[in-house]
Amino acid sequence: MTAGTELLTVPQVMERLQLGRTAVYDLIRTRQLPSLTLGRARRIPTHALTDFIHTRLDQEAAA
């Protein structure tokens, strides 16, 4: 992880994507949204969220 990489909580990702908890955990479970576990806490790097959004935008544009 590079210096300055912010880690987001699941509720923060839920708010940013306007999705429910189950939907966010489904994205994590299917490895569409990379995450890491620190103790019992799940964290999503901001760059992973940005990459996810760009990938989805590219997929929508190609459809």
C-alpha atoms as a PDB file:
ATOM      1  CA  MET A   1       0.000   0.000   0.000  1.00  0.00           C
ATOM      2  CA  THR A   2       1.400   3.391  -0.938  1.00  0.00           C
ATOM      3  CA  ALA A   3       1.705   6.282   1.432  1.00  0.00           C
ATOM      4  CA  GLY A   4      -1.465   8.340   1.562  1.00  0.00           C
ATOM      5  CA  THR A   5      -3.773   5.481   0.583  1.00  0.00           C
ATOM      6  CA  GLU A   6      -6.988   5.940   2.502  1.00  0.00           C
ATOM      7  CA  LEU A   7      -8.903   2.910   3.719  1.00  0.00           C
ATOM      8  CA  LEU A   8     -12.686   3.083   3.689  1.00  0.00           C
ATOM      9  CA  THR A   9     -15.117   1.212   5.898  1.00  0.00           C
ATOM     10  CA  VAL A  10     -18.031  -0.712   4.417  1.00  0.00           C
ATOM     11  CA  PRO A  11     -20.514   1.991   5.545  1.00  0.00           C
ATOM     12  CA  GLN A  12     -18.389   4.647   3.799  1.00  0.00           C
ATOM     13  CA  VAL A  13     -18.432   2.601   0.577  1.00  0.00           C
ATOM     14  CA  MET A  14     -22.178   2.073   0.991  1.00  0.00           C
ATOM     15  CA  GLU A  15     -22.680   5.836   1.150  1.00  0.00           C
ATOM     16  CA  ARG A  16     -20.384   6.608  -1.782  1.00  0.00           C
ATOM     17  CA  LEU A  17     -21.998   4.005  -4.043  1.00  0.00           C
ATOM     18  CA  GLN A  18     -25.517   4.487  -2.639  1.00  0.00           C
ATOM     19  CA  LEU A  19     -25.777   0.712  -2.133  1.00  0.00           C
ATOM     20  CA  GLY A  20     -26.847  -1.435   0.783  1.00  0.00           C
ATOM     21  CA  ARG A  21     -24.560  -3.464   3.010  1.00  0.00           C
ATOM     22  CA  THR A  22     -25.411  -6.770   1.287  1.00  0.00           C
ATOM     23  CA  ALA A  23     -24.625  -5.341  -2.162  1.00  0.00           C
ATOM     24  CA  VAL A  24     -21.226  -4.052  -1.003  1.00  0.00           C
ATOM     25  CA  TYR A  25     -20.334  -7.372   0.637  1.00  0.00           C
ATOM     26  CA  ASP A  26     -21.441  -9.167  -2.566  1.00  0.00           C
ATOM     27  CA  LEU A  27     -18.993  -7.010  -4.553  1.00  0.00           C
ATOM     28  CA  ILE A  28     -16.256  -7.913  -2.070  1.00  0.00           C
ATOM     29  CA  ARG A  29     -17.176 -11.617  -2.062  1.00  0.00           C
ATOM     30  CA  THR A  30     -17.129 -11.802  -5.880  1.00  0.00           C
ATOM     31  CA  ARG A  31     -13.791  -9.951  -5.919  1.00  0.00           C
ATOM     32  CA  GLN A  32     -15.192  -7.099  -7.985  1.00  0.00           C
ATOM     33  CA  LEU A  33     -14.190  -4.784  -5.147  1.00  0.00           C
ATOM     34  CA  PRO A  34     -10.829  -5.663  -3.553  1.00  0.00           C
ATOM     35  CA  SER A  35     -10.585  -5.320   0.207  1.00  0.00           C
ATOM     36  CA  LEU A  36      -8.435  -6.316   3.127  1.00  0.00           C
ATOM     37  CA  THR A  37      -9.109  -7.473   6.635  1.00  0.00           C
ATOM     38  CA  LEU A  38      -7.479  -5.828   9.636  1.00  0.00           C
ATOM     39  CA  GLY A  39      -8.361  -7.912  12.658  1.00  0.00           C
ATOM     40  CA  ARG A  40     -12.122  -8.297  12.289  1.00  0.00           C
ATOM     41  CA  ALA A  41     -12.541  -5.079  10.292  1.00  0.00           C
ATOM     42  CA  ARG A  42     -12.984  -5.056   6.508  1.00  0.00           C
ATOM     43  CA  ARG A  43     -11.408  -2.091   4.705  1.00  0.00           C
ATOM     44  CA  ILE A  44     -11.498  -1.014   1.056  1.00  0.00           C
ATOM     45  CA  PRO A  45      -8.643   1.103  -0.323  1.00  0.00           C
ATOM     46  CA  THR A  46      -9.867   4.269  -2.043  1.00  0.00           C
ATOM     47  CA  HIS A  47      -7.966   3.336  -5.206  1.00  0.00           C
ATOM     48  CA  ALA A  48      -9.842   0.004  -5.322  1.00  0.00           C
ATOM     49  CA  LEU A  49     -13.153   1.861  -5.214  1.00  0.00           C
ATOM     50  CA  THR A  50     -11.985   4.268  -7.921  1.00  0.00           C
ATOM     51  CA  ASP A  51     -10.788   1.367 -10.095  1.00  0.00           C
ATOM     52  CA  PHE A  52     -14.125  -0.410  -9.603  1.00  0.00           C
ATOM     53  CA  ILE A  53     -16.053   2.682 -10.704  1.00  0.00           C
ATOM     54  CA  HIS A  54     -13.855   3.193 -13.790  1.00  0.00           C
ATOM     55  CA  THR A  55     -14.203  -0.475 -14.752  1.00  0.00           C
ATOM     56  CA  ARG A  56     -17.987  -0.294 -14.467  1.00  0.00           C
ATOM     57  CA  LEU A  57     -18.079   2.918 -16.502  1.00  0.00           C
ATOM     58  CA  ASP A  58     -15.949   1.287 -19.212  1.00  0.00           C
ATOM     59  CA  GLN A  59     -18.259  -1.749 -19.234  1.00  0.00           C
ATOM     60  CA  GLU A  60     -21.333   0.451 -19.567  1.00  0.00           C
ATOM     61  CA  ALA A  61     -19.740   2.431 -22.399  1.00  0.00           C
ATOM     62  CA  ALA A  62     -18.859  -0.783 -24.262  1.00  0.00           C
ATOM     63  CA  ALA A  63     -22.380  -2.214 -23.936  1.00  0.00           C
END
